[in-house]
Amino acid sequence: LMFKHLTYDESSTNDLSRVIKQIEIYNQEGSYTLVRGSNGFEIKDHPTAVLNTQIFAQLSSGCGYTLAMQRLEKPVRTADGGIDYTEYGLAPQTRPRLDEEGNPLLDDDGNTVTYDYTPSRYTVTTMTGDTYNVTLGDATVSGTGYYARYEDRDTVYILSATNLSAGALQPVE
């Protein structure tokens, strides 16, 4: 685990440091916050919106139970010896826009069209105020996982795509 197992279900533990109070999501689709309200979880500033319970369960499981599929033992390094987080999509960078075949798009002058990439991330806050910050990068080549980094820990993990794809990487809708 990247950090201890967290749950949204208050009845499953007496340890409030393991109970999720809030999940903040920042991804390519925008940002939103799920907060614990008097009747369960709700979307901050939209308390009457109905949450899909299955997707919420996947989201909270993906964000709160960060069982790594793998921890990279030999990540790509920069010249100074640090991990090259851009290699895994775990740091902001300028990227080329690609067509459906994976080729760079060119403008009218023949220059590569680029965009500013920012990795997705989420923060989980527990009932005791503890916070856990995770950055989500690119999908692995196999598509079964995503590169991830926990707070400022100097390592790269691979988390399962199963719950992350259904929740943390999707728009609030």
N, C-alpha and C. Protein backbone atom coordinates (compact mmCIF):
# COMPACT_ATOMS: atom_id res chain seq x y z
N LEU A 1 0.83 -1.19 0.00
CA LEU A 1 0.00 0.00 0.00
C LEU A 1 0.87 1.25 0.00
N MET A 2 0.42 2.28 -0.74
CA MET A 2 1.14 3.55 -0.73
C MET A 2 0.96 4.23 0.62
N PHE A 3 -0.20 4.04 1.24
CA PHE A 3 -0.49 4.53 2.58
C PHE A 3 -1.57 3.63 3.16
N LYS A 4 -1.89 3.82 4.44
CA LYS A 4 -2.83 2.91 5.10
C LYS A 4 -4.19 2.89 4.40
N HIS A 5 -4.88 1.78 4.55
CA HIS A 5 -6.19 1.58 3.92
C HIS A 5 -7.21 2.54 4.54
N LEU A 6 -7.86 3.33 3.68
CA LEU A 6 -8.90 4.25 4.11
C LEU A 6 -10.24 3.77 3.59
N THR A 7 -11.32 4.09 4.30
CA THR A 7 -12.65 3.66 3.92
C THR A 7 -13.66 4.78 4.09
N TYR A 8 -14.71 4.76 3.31
CA TYR A 8 -15.79 5.75 3.48
C TYR A 8 -16.84 5.24 4.46
N ASP A 9 -16.79 3.96 4.80
CA ASP A 9 -17.79 3.32 5.63
C ASP A 9 -17.42 3.45 7.10
N GLU A 10 -18.08 4.35 7.80
CA GLU A 10 -17.79 4.59 9.22
C GLU A 10 -18.03 3.36 10.09
N SER A 11 -18.91 2.48 9.65
CA SER A 11 -19.22 1.30 10.48
C SER A 11 -18.17 0.20 10.39
N SER A 12 -17.20 0.34 9.48
CA SER A 12 -16.22 -0.73 9.30
C SER A 12 -14.98 -0.57 10.19
N THR A 13 -14.86 0.56 10.90
CA THR A 13 -13.70 0.76 11.77
C THR A 13 -14.03 1.78 12.87
N ASN A 14 -13.37 1.65 14.00
CA ASN A 14 -13.48 2.63 15.08
C ASN A 14 -12.38 3.68 14.98
N ASP A 15 -11.43 3.48 14.06
CA ASP A 15 -10.29 4.37 13.89
C ASP A 15 -10.67 5.47 12.90
N LEU A 16 -11.02 6.66 13.41
CA LEU A 16 -11.45 7.76 12.55
C LEU A 16 -10.35 8.27 11.63
N SER A 17 -9.08 7.92 11.90
CA SER A 17 -8.00 8.32 11.00
C SER A 17 -8.01 7.48 9.72
N ARG A 18 -8.87 6.47 9.68
CA ARG A 18 -9.01 5.63 8.48
C ARG A 18 -10.31 5.90 7.73
N VAL A 19 -11.13 6.82 8.23
CA VAL A 19 -12.44 7.09 7.63
C VAL A 19 -12.35 8.36 6.78
N ILE A 20 -12.75 8.23 5.53
CA ILE A 20 -12.67 9.35 4.59
C ILE A 20 -13.74 10.39 4.90
N LYS A 21 -13.30 11.64 4.98
CA LYS A 21 -14.20 12.77 5.17
C LYS A 21 -14.43 13.51 3.85
N GLN A 22 -13.38 13.54 3.01
CA GLN A 22 -13.46 14.32 1.78
C GLN A 22 -12.48 13.78 0.75
N ILE A 23 -12.87 13.84 -0.53
CA ILE A 23 -11.98 13.47 -1.64
C ILE A 23 -12.02 14.61 -2.65
N GLU A 24 -10.86 15.21 -2.89
CA GLU A 24 -10.75 16.27 -3.90
C GLU A 24 -10.10 15.67 -5.14
N ILE A 25 -10.72 15.88 -6.30
CA ILE A 25 -10.23 15.34 -7.56
C ILE A 25 -9.86 16.48 -8.49
N TYR A 26 -8.69 16.39 -9.10
CA TYR A 26 -8.24 17.34 -10.12
C TYR A 26 -7.76 16.51 -11.30
N ASN A 27 -8.48 16.57 -12.43
CA ASN A 27 -8.08 15.79 -13.59
C ASN A 27 -8.25 16.59 -14.88
N GLN A 28 -8.01 15.97 -16.00
CA GLN A 28 -8.07 16.65 -17.29
C GLN A 28 -9.48 17.17 -17.60
N GLU A 29 -10.48 16.65 -16.92
CA GLU A 29 -11.87 17.04 -17.15
C GLU A 29 -12.32 18.19 -16.25
N GLY A 30 -11.51 18.55 -15.26
CA GLY A 30 -11.87 19.61 -14.32
C GLY A 30 -11.56 19.18 -12.90
N SER A 31 -12.29 19.74 -11.95
CA SER A 31 -12.07 19.39 -10.55
C SER A 31 -13.41 19.36 -9.82
N TYR A 32 -13.46 18.57 -8.77
CA TYR A 32 -14.64 18.49 -7.92
C TYR A 32 -14.23 17.91 -6.58
N THR A 33 -15.10 18.11 -5.60
CA THR A 33 -14.84 17.62 -4.25
C THR A 33 -16.06 16.87 -3.76
N LEU A 34 -15.83 15.69 -3.23
CA LEU A 34 -16.88 14.92 -2.57
C LEU A 34 -16.68 15.06 -1.08
N VAL A 35 -17.73 15.46 -0.37
CA VAL A 35 -17.64 15.69 1.06
C VAL A 35 -18.69 14.85 1.79
N ARG A 36 -18.36 14.50 3.02
CA ARG A 36 -19.30 13.76 3.85
C ARG A 36 -20.34 14.74 4.38
N GLY A 37 -21.58 14.52 4.01
CA GLY A 37 -22.68 15.34 4.49
C GLY A 37 -23.47 14.59 5.55
N SER A 38 -24.58 15.15 5.98
CA SER A 38 -25.39 14.51 7.01
C SER A 38 -26.05 13.23 6.52
N ASN A 39 -26.22 13.08 5.21
CA ASN A 39 -26.85 11.88 4.64
C ASN A 39 -25.90 11.08 3.77
N GLY A 40 -24.62 11.13 4.06
CA GLY A 40 -23.63 10.43 3.24
C GLY A 40 -22.83 11.41 2.42
N PHE A 41 -22.18 10.91 1.39
CA PHE A 41 -21.33 11.77 0.58
C PHE A 41 -22.15 12.55 -0.44
N GLU A 42 -21.65 13.76 -0.73
CA GLU A 42 -22.31 14.63 -1.70
C GLU A 42 -21.24 15.43 -2.43
N ILE A 43 -21.62 15.99 -3.57
CA ILE A 43 -20.71 16.84 -4.32
C ILE A 43 -20.74 18.23 -3.70
N LYS A 44 -19.57 18.74 -3.32
CA LYS A 44 -19.49 20.05 -2.69
C LYS A 44 -20.13 21.09 -3.61
N ASP A 45 -20.93 21.94 -3.02
CA ASP A 45 -21.67 23.01 -3.71
C ASP A 45 -22.82 22.48 -4.56
N HIS A 46 -23.05 21.16 -4.55
CA HIS A 46 -24.18 20.56 -5.28
C HIS A 46 -24.78 19.44 -4.42
N PRO A 47 -25.23 19.74 -3.22
CA PRO A 47 -25.66 18.70 -2.28
C PRO A 47 -26.88 17.91 -2.74
N THR A 48 -27.65 18.42 -3.69
CA THR A 48 -28.85 17.69 -4.13
C THR A 48 -28.57 16.78 -5.32
N ALA A 49 -27.37 16.85 -5.90
CA ALA A 49 -27.02 15.97 -7.01
C ALA A 49 -26.95 14.52 -6.49
N VAL A 50 -27.45 13.60 -7.28
CA VAL A 50 -27.48 12.20 -6.88
C VAL A 50 -26.18 11.52 -7.32
N LEU A 51 -25.51 10.88 -6.37
CA LEU A 51 -24.28 10.14 -6.67
C LEU A 51 -24.63 8.72 -7.09
N ASN A 52 -23.94 8.22 -8.10
CA ASN A 52 -24.05 6.83 -8.48
C ASN A 52 -23.28 6.03 -7.43
N THR A 53 -23.96 5.20 -6.66
CA THR A 53 -23.32 4.51 -5.54
C THR A 53 -22.22 3.55 -5.99
N GLN A 54 -22.39 2.91 -7.14
CA GLN A 54 -21.36 1.99 -7.62
C GLN A 54 -20.10 2.75 -8.02
N ILE A 55 -20.26 3.85 -8.74
CA ILE A 55 -19.10 4.64 -9.15
C ILE A 55 -18.44 5.28 -7.93
N PHE A 56 -19.23 5.75 -6.96
CA PHE A 56 -18.65 6.31 -5.75
C PHE A 56 -17.85 5.25 -5.00
N ALA A 57 -18.37 4.04 -4.91
CA ALA A 57 -17.64 2.96 -4.23
C ALA A 57 -16.32 2.68 -4.93
N GLN A 58 -16.32 2.68 -6.27
CA GLN A 58 -15.08 2.47 -7.01
C GLN A 58 -14.11 3.62 -6.79
N LEU A 59 -14.63 4.84 -6.81
CA LEU A 59 -13.79 6.02 -6.60
C LEU A 59 -13.16 5.98 -5.21
N SER A 60 -13.96 5.77 -4.18
CA SER A 60 -13.42 5.78 -2.82
C SER A 60 -12.47 4.62 -2.59
N SER A 61 -12.74 3.48 -3.22
CA SER A 61 -11.83 2.34 -3.11
C SER A 61 -10.51 2.64 -3.82
N GLY A 62 -10.61 3.20 -5.03
CA GLY A 62 -9.40 3.52 -5.79
C GLY A 62 -8.54 4.56 -5.10
N CYS A 63 -9.17 5.54 -4.46
CA CYS A 63 -8.43 6.61 -3.79
C CYS A 63 -8.00 6.24 -2.37
N GLY A 64 -8.76 5.39 -1.71
CA GLY A 64 -8.48 5.07 -0.32
C GLY A 64 -7.74 3.76 -0.08
N TYR A 65 -7.75 2.88 -1.08
CA TYR A 65 -7.07 1.59 -0.93
C TYR A 65 -6.04 1.49 -2.05
N THR A 66 -4.91 2.14 -1.85
CA THR A 66 -3.90 2.30 -2.90
C THR A 66 -2.91 1.14 -2.91
N LEU A 67 -3.43 -0.02 -3.22
CA LEU A 67 -2.59 -1.21 -3.33
C LEU A 67 -1.84 -1.13 -4.66
N ALA A 68 -0.54 -0.94 -4.59
CA ALA A 68 0.26 -0.80 -5.79
C ALA A 68 0.46 -2.16 -6.45
N MET A 69 0.28 -2.17 -7.77
CA MET A 69 0.57 -3.36 -8.55
C MET A 69 2.07 -3.60 -8.61
N GLN A 70 2.79 -2.47 -8.58
CA GLN A 70 4.25 -2.54 -8.69
C GLN A 70 4.84 -1.23 -8.20
N ARG A 71 6.06 -1.30 -7.74
CA ARG A 71 6.86 -0.11 -7.44
C ARG A 71 8.08 -0.21 -8.35
N LEU A 72 8.31 0.80 -9.18
CA LEU A 72 9.42 0.73 -10.13
C LEU A 72 10.75 0.71 -9.39
N GLU A 73 11.54 -0.33 -9.66
CA GLU A 73 12.84 -0.45 -9.00
C GLU A 73 13.91 0.37 -9.68
N LYS A 74 13.80 0.55 -11.00
CA LYS A 74 14.81 1.32 -11.74
C LYS A 74 14.11 2.32 -12.65
N PRO A 75 13.50 3.37 -12.06
CA PRO A 75 12.84 4.37 -12.90
C PRO A 75 13.86 5.17 -13.71
N VAL A 76 13.40 5.77 -14.79
CA VAL A 76 14.25 6.62 -15.62
C VAL A 76 14.74 7.79 -14.76
N ARG A 77 16.01 8.08 -14.89
CA ARG A 77 16.64 9.13 -14.07
C ARG A 77 17.06 10.33 -14.92
N THR A 78 17.11 11.48 -14.27
CA THR A 78 17.62 12.69 -14.91
C THR A 78 19.14 12.71 -14.78
N ALA A 79 19.78 13.68 -15.42
CA ALA A 79 21.23 13.78 -15.36
C ALA A 79 21.76 13.94 -13.94
N ASP A 80 20.96 14.59 -13.06
CA ASP A 80 21.41 14.78 -11.67
C ASP A 80 21.08 13.59 -10.76
N GLY A 81 20.50 12.52 -11.33
CA GLY A 81 20.21 11.31 -10.56
C GLY A 81 18.82 11.21 -10.01
N GLY A 82 18.02 12.28 -10.09
CA GLY A 82 16.64 12.24 -9.62
C GLY A 82 15.75 11.48 -10.60
N ILE A 83 14.58 11.12 -10.16
CA ILE A 83 13.64 10.43 -11.03
C ILE A 83 13.09 11.42 -12.06
N ASP A 84 13.01 11.00 -13.31
CA ASP A 84 12.44 11.82 -14.37
C ASP A 84 10.93 11.59 -14.37
N TYR A 85 10.22 12.37 -13.56
CA TYR A 85 8.77 12.19 -13.42
C TYR A 85 8.01 12.50 -14.70
N THR A 86 8.59 13.30 -15.60
CA THR A 86 7.92 13.57 -16.87
C THR A 86 7.81 12.31 -17.71
N GLU A 87 8.71 11.39 -17.55
CA GLU A 87 8.69 10.12 -18.29
C GLU A 87 7.42 9.32 -18.00
N TYR A 88 6.82 9.54 -16.84
CA TYR A 88 5.65 8.78 -16.40
C TYR A 88 4.38 9.64 -16.35
N GLY A 89 4.49 10.89 -16.82
CA GLY A 89 3.34 11.79 -16.78
C GLY A 89 3.03 12.28 -15.38
N LEU A 90 4.02 12.29 -14.51
CA LEU A 90 3.82 12.68 -13.12
C LEU A 90 4.31 14.10 -12.81
N ALA A 91 4.59 14.86 -13.86
CA ALA A 91 5.02 16.25 -13.70
C ALA A 91 4.47 17.06 -14.88
N PRO A 92 4.17 18.34 -14.64
CA PRO A 92 3.69 19.18 -15.74
C PRO A 92 4.74 19.25 -16.85
N GLN A 93 4.28 19.33 -18.09
CA GLN A 93 5.19 19.41 -19.22
C GLN A 93 4.44 19.87 -20.48
N THR A 94 5.17 20.27 -21.48
CA THR A 94 4.59 20.60 -22.78
C THR A 94 4.67 19.33 -23.62
N ARG A 95 3.54 18.93 -24.18
CA ARG A 95 3.47 17.70 -24.97
C ARG A 95 2.96 17.99 -26.38
N PRO A 96 3.35 17.15 -27.34
CA PRO A 96 2.80 17.32 -28.70
C PRO A 96 1.38 16.76 -28.76
N ARG A 97 0.52 17.42 -29.53
CA ARG A 97 -0.81 16.87 -29.80
C ARG A 97 -0.64 15.77 -30.85
N LEU A 98 -1.35 14.67 -30.66
CA LEU A 98 -1.23 13.53 -31.57
C LEU A 98 -2.54 13.28 -32.30
N ASP A 99 -2.43 12.74 -33.51
CA ASP A 99 -3.64 12.34 -34.23
C ASP A 99 -4.05 10.95 -33.78
N GLU A 100 -5.11 10.42 -34.37
CA GLU A 100 -5.63 9.11 -33.94
C GLU A 100 -4.66 7.96 -34.18
N GLU A 101 -3.64 8.18 -35.01
CA GLU A 101 -2.63 7.14 -35.26
C GLU A 101 -1.38 7.32 -34.41
N GLY A 102 -1.37 8.36 -33.57
CA GLY A 102 -0.24 8.60 -32.69
C GLY A 102 0.85 9.48 -33.28
N ASN A 103 0.57 10.08 -34.43
CA ASN A 103 1.54 10.97 -35.06
C ASN A 103 1.32 12.40 -34.59
N PRO A 104 2.41 13.19 -34.45
CA PRO A 104 2.25 14.59 -34.03
C PRO A 104 1.45 15.40 -35.06
N LEU A 105 0.54 16.22 -34.55
CA LEU A 105 -0.21 17.13 -35.42
C LEU A 105 0.67 18.33 -35.75
N LEU A 106 0.55 18.80 -36.97
CA LEU A 106 1.35 19.94 -37.41
C LEU A 106 0.43 21.11 -37.74
N ASP A 107 0.92 22.33 -37.47
CA ASP A 107 0.15 23.51 -37.84
C ASP A 107 0.41 23.84 -39.31
N ASP A 108 -0.14 24.94 -39.79
CA ASP A 108 -0.02 25.31 -41.20
C ASP A 108 1.42 25.59 -41.62
N ASP A 109 2.28 25.90 -40.67
CA ASP A 109 3.69 26.17 -40.97
C ASP A 109 4.57 24.94 -40.82
N GLY A 110 3.97 23.79 -40.50
CA GLY A 110 4.72 22.56 -40.34
C GLY A 110 5.31 22.35 -38.96
N ASN A 111 4.92 23.20 -38.00
CA ASN A 111 5.41 23.06 -36.62
C ASN A 111 4.50 22.13 -35.83
N THR A 112 5.09 21.39 -34.93
CA THR A 112 4.32 20.50 -34.08
C THR A 112 3.40 21.30 -33.15
N VAL A 113 2.13 20.91 -33.11
CA VAL A 113 1.16 21.54 -32.21
C VAL A 113 1.36 20.93 -30.82
N THR A 114 1.44 21.78 -29.80
CA THR A 114 1.67 21.30 -28.45
C THR A 114 0.57 21.78 -27.51
N TYR A 115 0.56 21.22 -26.32
CA TYR A 115 -0.34 21.66 -25.26
C TYR A 115 0.38 21.51 -23.92
N ASP A 116 -0.10 22.24 -22.94
CA ASP A 116 0.47 22.15 -21.59
C ASP A 116 -0.26 21.06 -20.82
N TYR A 117 0.47 20.04 -20.44
CA TYR A 117 -0.08 18.89 -19.71
C TYR A 117 0.13 19.08 -18.22
N THR A 118 -0.91 18.80 -17.45
CA THR A 118 -0.83 18.78 -15.99
C THR A 118 -1.37 17.42 -15.54
N PRO A 119 -0.62 16.68 -14.72
CA PRO A 119 -1.12 15.37 -14.29
C PRO A 119 -2.35 15.49 -13.40
N SER A 120 -3.13 14.43 -13.40
CA SER A 120 -4.28 14.35 -12.50
C SER A 120 -3.77 14.12 -11.08
N ARG A 121 -4.60 14.48 -10.12
CA ARG A 121 -4.20 14.25 -8.73
C ARG A 121 -5.46 14.20 -7.86
N TYR A 122 -5.30 13.65 -6.69
CA TYR A 122 -6.39 13.67 -5.72
C TYR A 122 -5.84 13.79 -4.32
N THR A 123 -6.67 14.33 -3.44
CA THR A 123 -6.33 14.44 -2.02
C THR A 123 -7.47 13.83 -1.23
N VAL A 124 -7.13 12.92 -0.36
CA VAL A 124 -8.11 12.31 0.54
C VAL A 124 -7.85 12.89 1.93
N THR A 125 -8.91 13.37 2.57
CA THR A 125 -8.83 13.88 3.94
C THR A 125 -9.66 12.98 4.83
N THR A 126 -9.10 12.59 5.97
CA THR A 126 -9.81 11.70 6.89
C THR A 126 -10.58 12.52 7.93
N MET A 127 -11.37 11.84 8.73
CA MET A 127 -12.17 12.48 9.78
C MET A 127 -11.28 13.18 10.81
N THR A 128 -10.02 12.74 10.95
CA THR A 128 -9.10 13.35 11.91
C THR A 128 -8.26 14.46 11.27
N GLY A 129 -8.47 14.73 9.98
CA GLY A 129 -7.75 15.81 9.30
C GLY A 129 -6.47 15.39 8.60
N ASP A 130 -6.13 14.11 8.67
CA ASP A 130 -4.95 13.63 7.94
C ASP A 130 -5.24 13.74 6.44
N THR A 131 -4.23 14.12 5.65
CA THR A 131 -4.40 14.21 4.21
C THR A 131 -3.41 13.31 3.49
N TYR A 132 -3.85 12.78 2.36
CA TYR A 132 -3.04 11.91 1.51
C TYR A 132 -3.16 12.44 0.09
N ASN A 133 -2.01 12.83 -0.49
CA ASN A 133 -1.98 13.43 -1.81
C ASN A 133 -1.31 12.48 -2.80
N VAL A 134 -2.01 12.18 -3.89
CA VAL A 134 -1.51 11.27 -4.91
C VAL A 134 -1.58 11.94 -6.27
N THR A 135 -0.50 11.85 -7.02
CA THR A 135 -0.46 12.32 -8.40
C THR A 135 -0.60 11.11 -9.30
N LEU A 136 -1.48 11.22 -10.30
CA LEU A 136 -1.69 10.14 -11.27
C LEU A 136 -1.15 10.57 -12.61
N GLY A 137 -0.32 9.73 -13.20
CA GLY A 137 0.30 10.06 -14.47
C GLY A 137 -0.31 9.29 -15.62
N ASP A 138 0.55 8.91 -16.54
CA ASP A 138 0.12 8.22 -17.75
C ASP A 138 -0.30 6.79 -17.46
N ALA A 139 -1.09 6.26 -18.36
CA ALA A 139 -1.44 4.84 -18.31
C ALA A 139 -0.19 4.03 -18.69
N THR A 140 -0.08 2.83 -18.16
CA THR A 140 1.01 1.95 -18.55
C THR A 140 0.77 1.49 -19.99
N VAL A 141 1.79 0.96 -20.61
CA VAL A 141 1.68 0.50 -22.00
C VAL A 141 0.58 -0.55 -22.13
N SER A 142 0.43 -1.42 -21.14
CA SER A 142 -0.60 -2.46 -21.19
C SER A 142 -2.00 -1.91 -20.94
N GLY A 143 -2.08 -0.70 -20.37
CA GLY A 143 -3.37 -0.10 -20.07
C GLY A 143 -4.02 -0.62 -18.80
N THR A 144 -3.34 -1.46 -18.06
CA THR A 144 -3.93 -2.04 -16.84
C THR A 144 -3.68 -1.21 -15.60
N GLY A 145 -2.84 -0.19 -15.72
CA GLY A 145 -2.52 0.62 -14.56
C GLY A 145 -2.13 2.03 -14.94
N TYR A 146 -1.90 2.84 -13.90
CA TYR A 146 -1.44 4.21 -14.06
C TYR A 146 -0.23 4.43 -13.18
N TYR A 147 0.73 5.19 -13.69
CA TYR A 147 1.86 5.57 -12.86
C TYR A 147 1.35 6.54 -11.80
N ALA A 148 1.89 6.43 -10.61
CA ALA A 148 1.43 7.26 -9.50
C ALA A 148 2.60 7.62 -8.59
N ARG A 149 2.40 8.73 -7.89
CA ARG A 149 3.39 9.18 -6.91
C ARG A 149 2.64 9.64 -5.67
N TYR A 150 3.08 9.18 -4.52
CA TYR A 150 2.48 9.58 -3.24
C TYR A 150 3.25 10.75 -2.67
N GLU A 151 2.55 11.88 -2.48
CA GLU A 151 3.10 13.11 -1.92
C GLU A 151 4.50 13.36 -2.46
N ASP A 152 5.48 13.55 -1.60
CA ASP A 152 6.83 13.84 -2.06
C ASP A 152 7.75 12.63 -1.95
N ARG A 153 7.18 11.44 -1.86
CA ARG A 153 8.00 10.23 -1.79
C ARG A 153 8.71 10.06 -3.13
N ASP A 154 9.98 9.80 -3.10
CA ASP A 154 10.79 9.72 -4.31
C ASP A 154 10.73 8.31 -4.91
N THR A 155 9.55 7.96 -5.42
CA THR A 155 9.38 6.66 -6.06
C THR A 155 8.18 6.73 -7.00
N VAL A 156 8.12 5.77 -7.91
CA VAL A 156 7.01 5.67 -8.86
C VAL A 156 6.32 4.34 -8.64
N TYR A 157 5.00 4.39 -8.47
CA TYR A 157 4.17 3.20 -8.29
C TYR A 157 3.32 2.99 -9.53
N ILE A 158 2.77 1.80 -9.66
CA ILE A 158 1.74 1.54 -10.66
C ILE A 158 0.50 1.09 -9.90
N LEU A 159 -0.59 1.87 -10.07
CA LEU A 159 -1.87 1.54 -9.44
C LEU A 159 -2.80 0.95 -10.49
N SER A 160 -3.66 0.05 -10.08
CA SER A 160 -4.61 -0.59 -10.99
C SER A 160 -5.54 0.44 -11.62
N ALA A 161 -5.78 0.27 -12.90
CA ALA A 161 -6.68 1.17 -13.64
C ALA A 161 -8.14 0.91 -13.31
N THR A 162 -8.46 -0.24 -12.75
CA THR A 162 -9.85 -0.64 -12.55
C THR A 162 -10.69 0.42 -11.87
N ASN A 163 -10.34 0.83 -10.67
CA ASN A 163 -11.14 1.80 -9.94
C ASN A 163 -10.81 3.24 -10.31
N LEU A 164 -9.59 3.51 -10.71
CA LEU A 164 -9.21 4.88 -11.05
C LEU A 164 -9.89 5.34 -12.33
N SER A 165 -9.97 4.46 -13.32
CA SER A 165 -10.60 4.83 -14.61
C SER A 165 -12.07 5.17 -14.43
N ALA A 166 -12.73 4.49 -13.52
CA ALA A 166 -14.17 4.70 -13.32
C ALA A 166 -14.47 5.92 -12.47
N GLY A 167 -13.48 6.45 -11.76
CA GLY A 167 -13.77 7.54 -10.83
C GLY A 167 -12.83 8.73 -10.93
N ALA A 168 -11.63 8.58 -10.42
CA ALA A 168 -10.73 9.72 -10.27
C ALA A 168 -10.28 10.35 -11.59
N LEU A 169 -10.40 9.63 -12.67
CA LEU A 169 -9.97 10.17 -13.96
C LEU A 169 -11.14 10.59 -14.83
N GLN A 170 -12.33 10.61 -14.26
CA GLN A 170 -13.54 10.97 -15.00
C GLN A 170 -14.07 12.33 -14.57
N PRO A 171 -14.88 12.94 -15.42
CA PRO A 171 -15.53 14.20 -14.99
C PRO A 171 -16.55 13.91 -13.90
N VAL A 172 -16.96 14.94 -13.18
CA VAL A 172 -17.91 14.76 -12.08
C VAL A 172 -19.23 14.15 -12.56
N GLU A 173 -19.63 14.43 -13.77
CA GLU A 173 -20.88 13.88 -14.28
C GLU A 173 -20.84 12.37 -14.31
